[in-house]
Amino acid sequence: MPEFDRHVLETLREPLEAGRITISRAALQADFPAACQLIAAMNPCPCGWRGDPGGRCRCTPEIAARYLRKLSGPLLDRIDIQIEIPALTSAELSARSSATGEASAAIAQRVAAARERQLQRQGKTNRELSGREVDDVCRPDAAGETLLREAGERFGWSARAYYRVLKVARTIADLAGAAMPSVAQVGEAIQYRRAFGSL
């Protein structure tokens, strides 16, 4: 992502937030549907080796910070899941290639069932919920509420980030068939948002 011009990246804010984009030219204005699922990747620094145990990174902390700052706080607020993936050793890659996981068909069934739960409960997906609807639909149990509040204070989340974590927790609960997000599900949602917590 940071390889794109910052202005280009900032234009993603509207479609990520509203699912549409407005184009204004002279006295005319047009709205277009632009709901999307953004999947993006980035390196931790310009050379890509920051944090490498072999010490291959030659970027100074200032250079790495400047690189990461190309992604503004308001843009990051609109990205629901942000995961840092450390580099794997050859041995770890080899072990992973022989591991077996859950079949895609089983995952697809669980996702379809979770989506159906959302449509039956509120007539739309969790992504489309407004702030007030999130308060009504996504409220976790008492322990989850406490954990979420503490995480928000610790990481300095904006209101938008707070509500997005709630939506992710609600979606995790839907995938599990739970009536409301538990503290474990809130914890999982928080983990999915910690990659840029210090920016």
N, C-alpha and C. Protein backbone atom coordinates (compact mmCIF):
# COMPACT_ATOMS: atom_id res chain seq x y z
N MET A 1 0.79 -1.22 0.00
CA MET A 1 0.00 0.00 0.00
C MET A 1 0.83 1.28 0.00
N PRO A 2 1.89 1.37 0.79
CA PRO A 2 2.63 2.65 0.83
C PRO A 2 3.32 3.01 -0.48
N GLU A 3 3.36 2.10 -1.43
CA GLU A 3 3.97 2.41 -2.72
C GLU A 3 3.07 3.32 -3.56
N PHE A 4 1.78 3.42 -3.20
CA PHE A 4 0.86 4.31 -3.91
C PHE A 4 0.98 5.72 -3.34
N ASP A 5 0.68 6.70 -4.17
CA ASP A 5 0.66 8.09 -3.73
C ASP A 5 -0.36 8.26 -2.61
N ARG A 6 -0.01 9.07 -1.61
CA ARG A 6 -0.90 9.24 -0.46
C ARG A 6 -2.28 9.75 -0.86
N HIS A 7 -2.34 10.65 -1.83
CA HIS A 7 -3.63 11.17 -2.27
C HIS A 7 -4.51 10.06 -2.84
N VAL A 8 -3.90 9.15 -3.59
CA VAL A 8 -4.64 8.01 -4.14
C VAL A 8 -5.18 7.15 -3.01
N LEU A 9 -4.34 6.88 -2.00
CA LEU A 9 -4.78 6.07 -0.87
C LEU A 9 -5.94 6.73 -0.13
N GLU A 10 -5.87 8.05 0.03
CA GLU A 10 -6.92 8.75 0.77
C GLU A 10 -8.27 8.69 0.07
N THR A 11 -8.28 8.52 -1.26
CA THR A 11 -9.56 8.42 -1.97
C THR A 11 -10.29 7.12 -1.64
N LEU A 12 -9.59 6.17 -1.01
CA LEU A 12 -10.24 4.93 -0.60
C LEU A 12 -11.16 5.13 0.60
N ARG A 13 -10.99 6.23 1.33
CA ARG A 13 -11.74 6.42 2.57
C ARG A 13 -13.24 6.40 2.34
N GLU A 14 -13.72 7.11 1.33
CA GLU A 14 -15.16 7.20 1.10
C GLU A 14 -15.79 5.84 0.75
N PRO A 15 -15.25 5.10 -0.23
CA PRO A 15 -15.88 3.81 -0.51
C PRO A 15 -15.77 2.81 0.64
N LEU A 16 -14.67 2.85 1.39
CA LEU A 16 -14.54 1.94 2.54
C LEU A 16 -15.55 2.28 3.63
N GLU A 17 -15.85 3.55 3.79
CA GLU A 17 -16.78 3.98 4.83
C GLU A 17 -18.24 3.83 4.40
N ALA A 18 -18.57 4.33 3.21
CA ALA A 18 -19.97 4.43 2.80
C ALA A 18 -20.39 3.40 1.76
N GLY A 19 -19.43 2.72 1.13
CA GLY A 19 -19.80 1.75 0.10
C GLY A 19 -20.21 2.42 -1.20
N ARG A 20 -19.91 3.68 -1.34
CA ARG A 20 -20.20 4.42 -2.58
C ARG A 20 -19.16 5.52 -2.72
N ILE A 21 -19.12 6.12 -3.91
CA ILE A 21 -18.21 7.23 -4.14
C ILE A 21 -18.95 8.32 -4.87
N THR A 22 -18.68 9.55 -4.48
CA THR A 22 -19.32 10.71 -5.10
C THR A 22 -18.30 11.45 -5.94
N ILE A 23 -18.65 11.70 -7.19
CA ILE A 23 -17.77 12.44 -8.10
C ILE A 23 -18.45 13.75 -8.45
N SER A 24 -17.74 14.84 -8.20
CA SER A 24 -18.28 16.18 -8.50
C SER A 24 -17.45 16.82 -9.60
N ARG A 25 -18.12 17.31 -10.61
CA ARG A 25 -17.49 18.02 -11.71
C ARG A 25 -18.33 19.25 -12.02
N ALA A 26 -17.75 20.43 -11.93
CA ALA A 26 -18.47 21.70 -12.17
C ALA A 26 -19.74 21.72 -11.32
N ALA A 27 -20.89 21.83 -11.95
CA ALA A 27 -22.15 21.91 -11.18
C ALA A 27 -22.83 20.56 -11.06
N LEU A 28 -22.20 19.51 -11.54
CA LEU A 28 -22.82 18.19 -11.51
C LEU A 28 -22.17 17.30 -10.45
N GLN A 29 -23.00 16.42 -9.89
CA GLN A 29 -22.51 15.47 -8.89
C GLN A 29 -23.18 14.14 -9.15
N ALA A 30 -22.42 13.07 -9.06
CA ALA A 30 -22.98 11.74 -9.30
C ALA A 30 -22.47 10.78 -8.23
N ASP A 31 -23.36 9.93 -7.74
CA ASP A 31 -23.01 8.88 -6.77
C ASP A 31 -22.94 7.55 -7.50
N PHE A 32 -21.90 6.78 -7.20
CA PHE A 32 -21.74 5.46 -7.80
C PHE A 32 -21.55 4.42 -6.70
N PRO A 33 -22.14 3.24 -6.85
CA PRO A 33 -21.89 2.18 -5.86
C PRO A 33 -20.43 1.77 -5.90
N ALA A 34 -19.83 1.62 -4.74
CA ALA A 34 -18.41 1.26 -4.68
C ALA A 34 -18.11 0.40 -3.46
N ALA A 35 -19.09 -0.40 -3.03
CA ALA A 35 -18.84 -1.31 -1.91
C ALA A 35 -17.78 -2.31 -2.35
N CYS A 36 -16.76 -2.47 -1.54
CA CYS A 36 -15.66 -3.35 -1.94
C CYS A 36 -15.11 -4.08 -0.73
N GLN A 37 -14.37 -5.12 -1.03
CA GLN A 37 -13.61 -5.80 0.00
C GLN A 37 -12.15 -5.54 -0.32
N LEU A 38 -11.52 -4.69 0.46
CA LEU A 38 -10.13 -4.32 0.22
C LEU A 38 -9.20 -5.31 0.93
N ILE A 39 -8.31 -5.89 0.16
CA ILE A 39 -7.26 -6.74 0.73
C ILE A 39 -5.94 -6.15 0.25
N ALA A 40 -5.13 -5.72 1.18
CA ALA A 40 -3.89 -5.03 0.83
C ALA A 40 -2.74 -5.56 1.68
N ALA A 41 -1.54 -5.31 1.21
CA ALA A 41 -0.35 -5.75 1.93
C ALA A 41 0.69 -4.65 1.89
N MET A 42 1.62 -4.72 2.81
CA MET A 42 2.73 -3.76 2.84
C MET A 42 3.91 -4.37 3.57
N ASN A 43 5.08 -3.85 3.29
CA ASN A 43 6.28 -4.23 4.02
C ASN A 43 6.40 -3.36 5.27
N PRO A 44 7.18 -3.78 6.25
CA PRO A 44 7.35 -2.98 7.46
C PRO A 44 8.27 -1.77 7.28
N CYS A 45 8.98 -1.73 6.16
CA CYS A 45 9.90 -0.62 5.87
C CYS A 45 10.19 -0.66 4.37
N PRO A 46 10.86 0.35 3.83
CA PRO A 46 11.10 0.37 2.38
C PRO A 46 11.87 -0.85 1.85
N CYS A 47 12.84 -1.36 2.61
CA CYS A 47 13.60 -2.51 2.10
C CYS A 47 12.89 -3.83 2.35
N GLY A 48 11.94 -3.84 3.28
CA GLY A 48 11.16 -5.04 3.55
C GLY A 48 11.73 -5.98 4.58
N TRP A 49 12.88 -5.66 5.17
CA TRP A 49 13.55 -6.59 6.09
C TRP A 49 13.46 -6.18 7.56
N ARG A 50 12.71 -5.15 7.89
CA ARG A 50 12.64 -4.70 9.29
C ARG A 50 12.18 -5.84 10.20
N GLY A 51 12.91 -6.04 11.30
CA GLY A 51 12.58 -7.12 12.23
C GLY A 51 13.20 -8.45 11.87
N ASP A 52 13.91 -8.52 10.75
CA ASP A 52 14.54 -9.77 10.34
C ASP A 52 15.64 -10.15 11.33
N PRO A 53 15.62 -11.38 11.87
CA PRO A 53 16.63 -11.77 12.85
C PRO A 53 18.05 -11.77 12.29
N GLY A 54 18.19 -11.88 10.97
CA GLY A 54 19.52 -11.87 10.36
C GLY A 54 20.11 -10.48 10.23
N GLY A 55 19.37 -9.45 10.60
CA GLY A 55 19.88 -8.08 10.57
C GLY A 55 20.06 -7.52 9.17
N ARG A 56 19.25 -7.98 8.20
CA ARG A 56 19.41 -7.52 6.82
C ARG A 56 18.85 -6.12 6.58
N CYS A 57 18.00 -5.61 7.50
CA CYS A 57 17.41 -4.29 7.31
C CYS A 57 18.44 -3.20 7.59
N ARG A 58 18.53 -2.24 6.68
CA ARG A 58 19.44 -1.12 6.84
C ARG A 58 18.67 0.21 7.01
N CYS A 59 17.35 0.12 7.16
CA CYS A 59 16.53 1.33 7.31
C CYS A 59 16.64 1.86 8.74
N THR A 60 16.77 3.15 8.88
CA THR A 60 16.76 3.76 10.21
C THR A 60 15.32 3.78 10.72
N PRO A 61 15.13 3.90 12.05
CA PRO A 61 13.76 4.00 12.57
C PRO A 61 12.98 5.15 11.95
N GLU A 62 13.67 6.25 11.66
CA GLU A 62 13.01 7.41 11.05
C GLU A 62 12.50 7.08 9.65
N ILE A 63 13.31 6.37 8.86
CA ILE A 63 12.90 5.99 7.50
C ILE A 63 11.70 5.04 7.56
N ALA A 64 11.75 4.07 8.46
CA ALA A 64 10.64 3.12 8.59
C ALA A 64 9.37 3.82 9.03
N ALA A 65 9.48 4.76 9.99
CA ALA A 65 8.31 5.49 10.47
C ALA A 65 7.72 6.36 9.37
N ARG A 66 8.57 7.00 8.56
CA ARG A 66 8.08 7.83 7.46
C ARG A 66 7.34 6.97 6.44
N TYR A 67 7.85 5.78 6.20
CA TYR A 67 7.21 4.85 5.26
C TYR A 67 5.81 4.47 5.75
N LEU A 68 5.70 4.13 7.03
CA LEU A 68 4.41 3.73 7.59
C LEU A 68 3.43 4.90 7.67
N ARG A 69 3.95 6.11 7.82
CA ARG A 69 3.08 7.28 7.93
C ARG A 69 2.38 7.62 6.62
N LYS A 70 2.76 6.97 5.53
CA LYS A 70 2.05 7.19 4.27
C LYS A 70 0.61 6.71 4.37
N LEU A 71 0.33 5.85 5.36
CA LEU A 71 -1.05 5.41 5.63
C LEU A 71 -1.57 6.25 6.78
N SER A 72 -2.53 7.11 6.50
CA SER A 72 -3.04 8.01 7.52
C SER A 72 -3.90 7.28 8.54
N GLY A 73 -4.04 7.89 9.71
CA GLY A 73 -4.90 7.33 10.75
C GLY A 73 -6.34 7.15 10.28
N PRO A 74 -6.94 8.16 9.61
CA PRO A 74 -8.31 7.99 9.12
C PRO A 74 -8.47 6.83 8.12
N LEU A 75 -7.45 6.59 7.29
CA LEU A 75 -7.54 5.45 6.37
C LEU A 75 -7.45 4.15 7.14
N LEU A 76 -6.50 4.05 8.08
CA LEU A 76 -6.35 2.83 8.87
C LEU A 76 -7.59 2.55 9.71
N ASP A 77 -8.26 3.60 10.17
CA ASP A 77 -9.51 3.44 10.92
C ASP A 77 -10.55 2.67 10.14
N ARG A 78 -10.51 2.77 8.83
CA ARG A 78 -11.52 2.17 7.98
C ARG A 78 -11.16 0.75 7.53
N ILE A 79 -10.01 0.25 7.95
CA ILE A 79 -9.60 -1.11 7.62
C ILE A 79 -9.85 -1.98 8.85
N ASP A 80 -10.80 -2.89 8.73
CA ASP A 80 -11.28 -3.65 9.88
C ASP A 80 -10.24 -4.59 10.48
N ILE A 81 -9.53 -5.29 9.64
CA ILE A 81 -8.58 -6.30 10.12
C ILE A 81 -7.19 -5.93 9.65
N GLN A 82 -6.27 -5.78 10.59
CA GLN A 82 -4.88 -5.40 10.29
C GLN A 82 -3.97 -6.38 11.03
N ILE A 83 -3.33 -7.25 10.29
CA ILE A 83 -2.54 -8.31 10.90
C ILE A 83 -1.09 -8.20 10.46
N GLU A 84 -0.18 -8.24 11.43
CA GLU A 84 1.25 -8.26 11.11
C GLU A 84 1.67 -9.72 10.98
N ILE A 85 2.30 -10.04 9.87
CA ILE A 85 2.74 -11.41 9.61
C ILE A 85 4.26 -11.43 9.57
N PRO A 86 4.90 -12.02 10.57
CA PRO A 86 6.37 -12.06 10.56
C PRO A 86 6.90 -13.00 9.49
N ALA A 87 8.12 -12.75 9.07
CA ALA A 87 8.76 -13.62 8.07
C ALA A 87 8.97 -15.01 8.68
N LEU A 88 8.79 -16.02 7.86
CA LEU A 88 8.98 -17.40 8.31
C LEU A 88 10.33 -17.93 7.85
N THR A 89 10.90 -18.80 8.66
CA THR A 89 12.15 -19.47 8.26
C THR A 89 11.82 -20.57 7.26
N SER A 90 12.84 -21.09 6.60
CA SER A 90 12.63 -22.19 5.64
C SER A 90 12.02 -23.40 6.32
N ALA A 91 12.44 -23.68 7.55
CA ALA A 91 11.90 -24.83 8.29
C ALA A 91 10.42 -24.63 8.58
N GLU A 92 10.04 -23.41 8.96
CA GLU A 92 8.63 -23.13 9.24
C GLU A 92 7.77 -23.23 7.97
N LEU A 93 8.30 -22.74 6.86
CA LEU A 93 7.57 -22.85 5.59
C LEU A 93 7.38 -24.30 5.19
N SER A 94 8.40 -25.11 5.39
CA SER A 94 8.32 -26.53 5.05
C SER A 94 7.29 -27.24 5.92
N ALA A 95 7.28 -26.92 7.22
CA ALA A 95 6.32 -27.54 8.13
C ALA A 95 4.90 -27.14 7.78
N ARG A 96 4.70 -25.89 7.37
CA ARG A 96 3.35 -25.42 7.03
C ARG A 96 2.84 -26.06 5.75
N SER A 97 3.73 -26.33 4.81
CA SER A 97 3.27 -26.90 3.54
C SER A 97 2.72 -28.31 3.72
N SER A 98 3.16 -29.02 4.78
CA SER A 98 2.67 -30.38 5.01
C SER A 98 1.49 -30.41 5.98
N ALA A 99 1.14 -29.25 6.57
CA ALA A 99 0.03 -29.21 7.52
C ALA A 99 -1.30 -29.24 6.79
N THR A 100 -2.29 -29.84 7.44
CA THR A 100 -3.63 -29.87 6.86
C THR A 100 -4.54 -28.95 7.66
N GLY A 101 -5.41 -28.26 6.99
CA GLY A 101 -6.34 -27.35 7.65
C GLY A 101 -7.77 -27.71 7.32
N GLU A 102 -8.66 -26.84 7.74
CA GLU A 102 -10.09 -27.06 7.49
C GLU A 102 -10.37 -26.89 6.00
N ALA A 103 -11.25 -27.72 5.48
CA ALA A 103 -11.59 -27.68 4.06
C ALA A 103 -12.32 -26.39 3.72
N SER A 104 -12.07 -25.86 2.54
CA SER A 104 -12.70 -24.62 2.09
C SER A 104 -14.22 -24.75 2.05
N ALA A 105 -14.72 -25.92 1.67
CA ALA A 105 -16.17 -26.12 1.59
C ALA A 105 -16.82 -25.97 2.96
N ALA A 106 -16.16 -26.47 3.99
CA ALA A 106 -16.70 -26.35 5.36
C ALA A 106 -16.69 -24.89 5.81
N ILE A 107 -15.63 -24.17 5.47
CA ILE A 107 -15.55 -22.75 5.82
C ILE A 107 -16.64 -21.97 5.09
N ALA A 108 -16.84 -22.29 3.80
CA ALA A 108 -17.87 -21.59 3.01
C ALA A 108 -19.26 -21.80 3.62
N GLN A 109 -19.54 -23.00 4.10
CA GLN A 109 -20.84 -23.27 4.73
C GLN A 109 -21.00 -22.44 6.00
N ARG A 110 -19.94 -22.34 6.79
CA ARG A 110 -20.00 -21.57 8.04
C ARG A 110 -20.20 -20.08 7.75
N VAL A 111 -19.53 -19.58 6.72
CA VAL A 111 -19.68 -18.17 6.34
C VAL A 111 -21.10 -17.90 5.84
N ALA A 112 -21.64 -18.79 5.03
CA ALA A 112 -23.01 -18.62 4.52
C ALA A 112 -24.01 -18.63 5.67
N ALA A 113 -23.81 -19.51 6.64
CA ALA A 113 -24.71 -19.58 7.80
C ALA A 113 -24.61 -18.30 8.63
N ALA A 114 -23.40 -17.77 8.80
CA ALA A 114 -23.22 -16.53 9.57
C ALA A 114 -23.88 -15.36 8.86
N ARG A 115 -23.74 -15.30 7.55
CA ARG A 115 -24.37 -14.22 6.78
C ARG A 115 -25.89 -14.31 6.89
N GLU A 116 -26.41 -15.52 6.82
CA GLU A 116 -27.86 -15.71 6.95
C GLU A 116 -28.36 -15.27 8.33
N ARG A 117 -27.58 -15.56 9.38
CA ARG A 117 -27.93 -15.09 10.73
C ARG A 117 -28.04 -13.57 10.77
N GLN A 118 -27.08 -12.91 10.15
CA GLN A 118 -27.08 -11.45 10.13
C GLN A 118 -28.30 -10.90 9.40
N LEU A 119 -28.61 -11.47 8.25
CA LEU A 119 -29.76 -10.99 7.48
C LEU A 119 -31.07 -11.23 8.22
N GLN A 120 -31.20 -12.35 8.90
CA GLN A 120 -32.42 -12.63 9.67
C GLN A 120 -32.53 -11.72 10.88
N ARG A 121 -31.41 -11.42 11.53
CA ARG A 121 -31.42 -10.61 12.75
C ARG A 121 -31.66 -9.13 12.46
N GLN A 122 -30.98 -8.59 11.43
CA GLN A 122 -31.04 -7.14 11.23
C GLN A 122 -31.32 -6.71 9.80
N GLY A 123 -31.51 -7.67 8.88
CA GLY A 123 -31.85 -7.32 7.51
C GLY A 123 -30.69 -6.82 6.67
N LYS A 124 -29.48 -6.90 7.18
CA LYS A 124 -28.27 -6.46 6.47
C LYS A 124 -27.07 -7.12 7.12
N THR A 125 -25.92 -7.00 6.46
CA THR A 125 -24.71 -7.59 7.04
C THR A 125 -24.18 -6.68 8.16
N ASN A 126 -23.30 -7.22 8.97
CA ASN A 126 -22.72 -6.44 10.07
C ASN A 126 -21.96 -5.23 9.54
N ARG A 127 -21.34 -5.35 8.38
CA ARG A 127 -20.58 -4.24 7.81
C ARG A 127 -21.45 -3.01 7.59
N GLU A 128 -22.72 -3.23 7.29
CA GLU A 128 -23.62 -2.13 6.95
C GLU A 128 -24.30 -1.48 8.15
N LEU A 129 -24.04 -1.95 9.34
CA LEU A 129 -24.70 -1.41 10.53
C LEU A 129 -24.25 0.02 10.82
N SER A 130 -25.19 0.86 11.21
CA SER A 130 -24.86 2.23 11.64
C SER A 130 -24.37 2.19 13.08
N GLY A 131 -23.87 3.32 13.57
CA GLY A 131 -23.37 3.38 14.95
C GLY A 131 -24.40 2.97 15.98
N ARG A 132 -25.62 3.48 15.86
CA ARG A 132 -26.68 3.14 16.81
C ARG A 132 -27.04 1.65 16.73
N GLU A 133 -27.07 1.11 15.49
CA GLU A 133 -27.38 -0.31 15.32
C GLU A 133 -26.29 -1.18 15.93
N VAL A 134 -25.04 -0.73 15.82
CA VAL A 134 -23.93 -1.49 16.43
C VAL A 134 -24.14 -1.57 17.93
N ASP A 135 -24.56 -0.46 18.55
CA ASP A 135 -24.83 -0.46 19.99
C ASP A 135 -25.88 -1.50 20.35
N ASP A 136 -26.90 -1.65 19.51
CA ASP A 136 -27.99 -2.58 19.79
C ASP A 136 -27.64 -4.03 19.49
N VAL A 137 -26.94 -4.25 18.39
CA VAL A 137 -26.75 -5.61 17.88
C VAL A 137 -25.42 -6.26 18.32
N CYS A 138 -24.39 -5.45 18.47
CA CYS A 138 -23.04 -5.99 18.65
C CYS A 138 -22.53 -5.96 20.09
N ARG A 139 -23.35 -5.53 21.02
CA ARG A 139 -22.90 -5.39 22.40
C ARG A 139 -22.43 -6.73 22.95
N PRO A 140 -21.20 -6.82 23.46
CA PRO A 140 -20.69 -8.09 24.01
C PRO A 140 -21.15 -8.31 25.45
N ASP A 141 -20.74 -9.43 26.02
CA ASP A 141 -21.04 -9.68 27.43
C ASP A 141 -20.22 -8.72 28.30
N ALA A 142 -20.47 -8.72 29.59
CA ALA A 142 -19.86 -7.72 30.48
C ALA A 142 -18.33 -7.78 30.46
N ALA A 143 -17.77 -9.00 30.48
CA ALA A 143 -16.31 -9.13 30.44
C ALA A 143 -15.75 -8.63 29.11
N GLY A 144 -16.46 -8.90 28.03
CA GLY A 144 -16.04 -8.43 26.72
C GLY A 144 -16.10 -6.91 26.62
N GLU A 145 -17.12 -6.33 27.23
CA GLU A 145 -17.26 -4.87 27.25
C GLU A 145 -16.08 -4.22 27.98
N THR A 146 -15.70 -4.81 29.10
CA THR A 146 -14.57 -4.28 29.87
C THR A 146 -13.27 -4.39 29.08
N LEU A 147 -13.04 -5.55 28.47
CA LEU A 147 -11.83 -5.76 27.67
C LEU A 147 -11.77 -4.78 26.51
N LEU A 148 -12.90 -4.56 25.84
CA LEU A 148 -12.94 -3.66 24.70
C LEU A 148 -12.63 -2.22 25.12
N ARG A 149 -13.20 -1.80 26.23
CA ARG A 149 -12.96 -0.44 26.72
C ARG A 149 -11.48 -0.25 27.08
N GLU A 150 -10.90 -1.24 27.76
CA GLU A 150 -9.48 -1.15 28.14
C GLU A 150 -8.57 -1.12 26.91
N ALA A 151 -8.91 -1.94 25.89
CA ALA A 151 -8.10 -1.96 24.67
C ALA A 151 -8.21 -0.62 23.93
N GLY A 152 -9.41 -0.08 23.88
CA GLY A 152 -9.60 1.21 23.21
C GLY A 152 -8.78 2.31 23.86
N GLU A 153 -8.74 2.30 25.20
CA GLU A 153 -7.95 3.31 25.92
C GLU A 153 -6.45 3.08 25.73
N ARG A 154 -6.05 1.82 25.77
CA ARG A 154 -4.62 1.50 25.66
C ARG A 154 -4.07 1.85 24.27
N PHE A 155 -4.84 1.55 23.22
CA PHE A 155 -4.36 1.76 21.86
C PHE A 155 -4.80 3.10 21.27
N GLY A 156 -5.57 3.87 22.03
CA GLY A 156 -5.98 5.19 21.56
C GLY A 156 -6.89 5.16 20.35
N TRP A 157 -7.82 4.20 20.33
CA TRP A 157 -8.72 4.07 19.19
C TRP A 157 -9.67 5.26 19.08
N SER A 158 -10.02 5.59 17.86
CA SER A 158 -11.07 6.55 17.60
C SER A 158 -12.42 5.84 17.79
N ALA A 159 -13.51 6.61 17.78
CA ALA A 159 -14.84 6.01 17.87
C ALA A 159 -15.08 5.06 16.70
N ARG A 160 -14.59 5.45 15.51
CA ARG A 160 -14.78 4.60 14.33
C ARG A 160 -14.07 3.26 14.52
N ALA A 161 -12.83 3.28 15.01
CA ALA A 161 -12.10 2.03 15.22
C ALA A 161 -12.80 1.16 16.27
N TYR A 162 -13.29 1.79 17.33
CA TYR A 162 -14.00 1.07 18.39
C TYR A 162 -15.20 0.31 17.81
N TYR A 163 -15.99 1.01 17.01
CA TYR A 163 -17.19 0.38 16.44
C TYR A 163 -16.83 -0.69 15.41
N ARG A 164 -15.73 -0.50 14.72
CA ARG A 164 -15.33 -1.53 13.75
C ARG A 164 -14.89 -2.80 14.47
N VAL A 165 -14.21 -2.66 15.59
CA VAL A 165 -13.83 -3.85 16.37
C VAL A 165 -15.08 -4.57 16.87
N LEU A 166 -16.09 -3.79 17.29
CA LEU A 166 -17.35 -4.40 17.72
C LEU A 166 -18.00 -5.20 16.59
N LYS A 167 -17.98 -4.66 15.38
CA LYS A 167 -18.56 -5.37 14.24
C LYS A 167 -17.80 -6.67 13.95
N VAL A 168 -16.48 -6.61 14.04
CA VAL A 168 -15.68 -7.82 13.82
C VAL A 168 -15.99 -8.85 14.90
N ALA A 169 -16.11 -8.41 16.16
CA ALA A 169 -16.44 -9.34 17.24
C ALA A 169 -17.81 -9.98 17.01
N ARG A 170 -18.77 -9.17 16.55
CA ARG A 170 -20.12 -9.68 16.27
C ARG A 170 -20.05 -10.71 15.14
N THR A 171 -19.22 -10.47 14.14
CA THR A 171 -19.08 -11.40 13.02
C THR A 171 -18.42 -12.71 13.48
N ILE A 172 -17.43 -12.60 14.35
CA ILE A 172 -16.80 -13.82 14.91
C ILE A 172 -17.83 -14.63 15.69
N ALA A 173 -18.67 -13.93 16.45
CA ALA A 173 -19.73 -14.62 17.20
C ALA A 173 -20.72 -15.28 16.24
N ASP A 174 -21.06 -14.60 15.15
CA ASP A 174 -21.97 -15.18 14.16
C ASP A 174 -21.38 -16.44 13.54
N LEU A 175 -20.08 -16.42 13.26
CA LEU A 175 -19.43 -17.60 12.69
C LEU A 175 -19.47 -18.77 13.67
N ALA A 176 -19.46 -18.46 14.96
CA ALA A 176 -19.51 -19.51 15.99
C ALA A 176 -20.95 -19.87 16.37
N GLY A 177 -21.93 -19.13 15.84
CA GLY A 177 -23.34 -19.39 16.17
C GLY A 177 -23.71 -18.90 17.55
N ALA A 178 -22.96 -17.92 18.09
CA ALA A 178 -23.21 -17.42 19.45
C ALA A 178 -24.23 -16.29 19.42
N ALA A 179 -25.01 -16.18 20.50
CA ALA A 179 -26.05 -15.15 20.59
C ALA A 179 -25.45 -13.76 20.74
N MET A 180 -24.32 -13.65 21.44
CA MET A 180 -23.66 -12.36 21.61
C MET A 180 -22.16 -12.58 21.71
N PRO A 181 -21.36 -11.57 21.36
CA PRO A 181 -19.91 -11.75 21.44
C PRO A 181 -19.43 -11.99 22.87
N SER A 182 -18.60 -12.99 23.04
CA SER A 182 -18.02 -13.30 24.35
C SER A 182 -16.71 -12.54 24.51
N VAL A 183 -16.15 -12.60 25.71
CA VAL A 183 -14.86 -11.94 25.95
C VAL A 183 -13.77 -12.52 25.05
N ALA A 184 -13.81 -13.84 24.79
CA ALA A 184 -12.81 -14.46 23.92
C ALA A 184 -12.94 -13.94 22.49
N GLN A 185 -14.17 -13.78 22.03
CA GLN A 185 -14.39 -13.28 20.67
C GLN A 185 -14.00 -11.81 20.55
N VAL A 186 -14.25 -11.02 21.58
CA VAL A 186 -13.80 -9.63 21.60
C VAL A 186 -12.28 -9.58 21.58
N GLY A 187 -11.63 -10.46 22.36
CA GLY A 187 -10.17 -10.53 22.38
C GLY A 187 -9.61 -10.86 21.01
N GLU A 188 -10.26 -11.78 20.32
CA GLU A 188 -9.82 -12.14 18.97
C GLU A 188 -9.93 -10.94 18.02
N ALA A 189 -11.06 -10.22 18.11
CA ALA A 189 -11.25 -9.03 17.26
C ALA A 189 -10.20 -7.97 17.55
N ILE A 190 -9.84 -7.81 18.82
CA ILE A 190 -8.81 -6.84 19.19
C ILE A 190 -7.47 -7.24 18.59
N GLN A 191 -7.15 -8.53 18.62
CA GLN A 191 -5.89 -9.00 18.05
C GLN A 191 -5.79 -8.70 16.56
N TYR A 192 -6.93 -8.68 15.89
CA TYR A 192 -6.95 -8.42 14.45
C TYR A 192 -6.74 -6.93 14.14
N ARG A 193 -6.62 -6.10 15.16
CA ARG A 193 -6.49 -4.67 14.90
C ARG A 193 -5.24 -4.08 15.56
N ARG A 194 -4.28 -4.87 15.92
CA ARG A 194 -3.15 -4.36 16.67
C ARG A 194 -1.92 -4.03 15.85
N ALA A 195 -1.92 -4.34 14.54
CA ALA A 195 -0.70 -4.15 13.75
C ALA A 195 -0.24 -2.71 13.71
N PHE A 196 -1.20 -1.77 13.67
CA PHE A 196 -0.84 -0.35 13.57
C PHE A 196 -1.29 0.42 14.80
N GLY A 197 -1.43 -0.28 15.91
CA GLY A 197 -1.92 0.38 17.12
C GLY A 197 -1.04 1.53 17.59
N SER A 198 0.25 1.50 17.22
CA SER A 198 1.15 2.54 17.70
C SER A 198 1.27 3.72 16.75
N LEU A 199 0.63 3.65 15.56
CA LEU A 199 0.75 4.74 14.60
C LEU A 199 -0.09 5.92 15.01
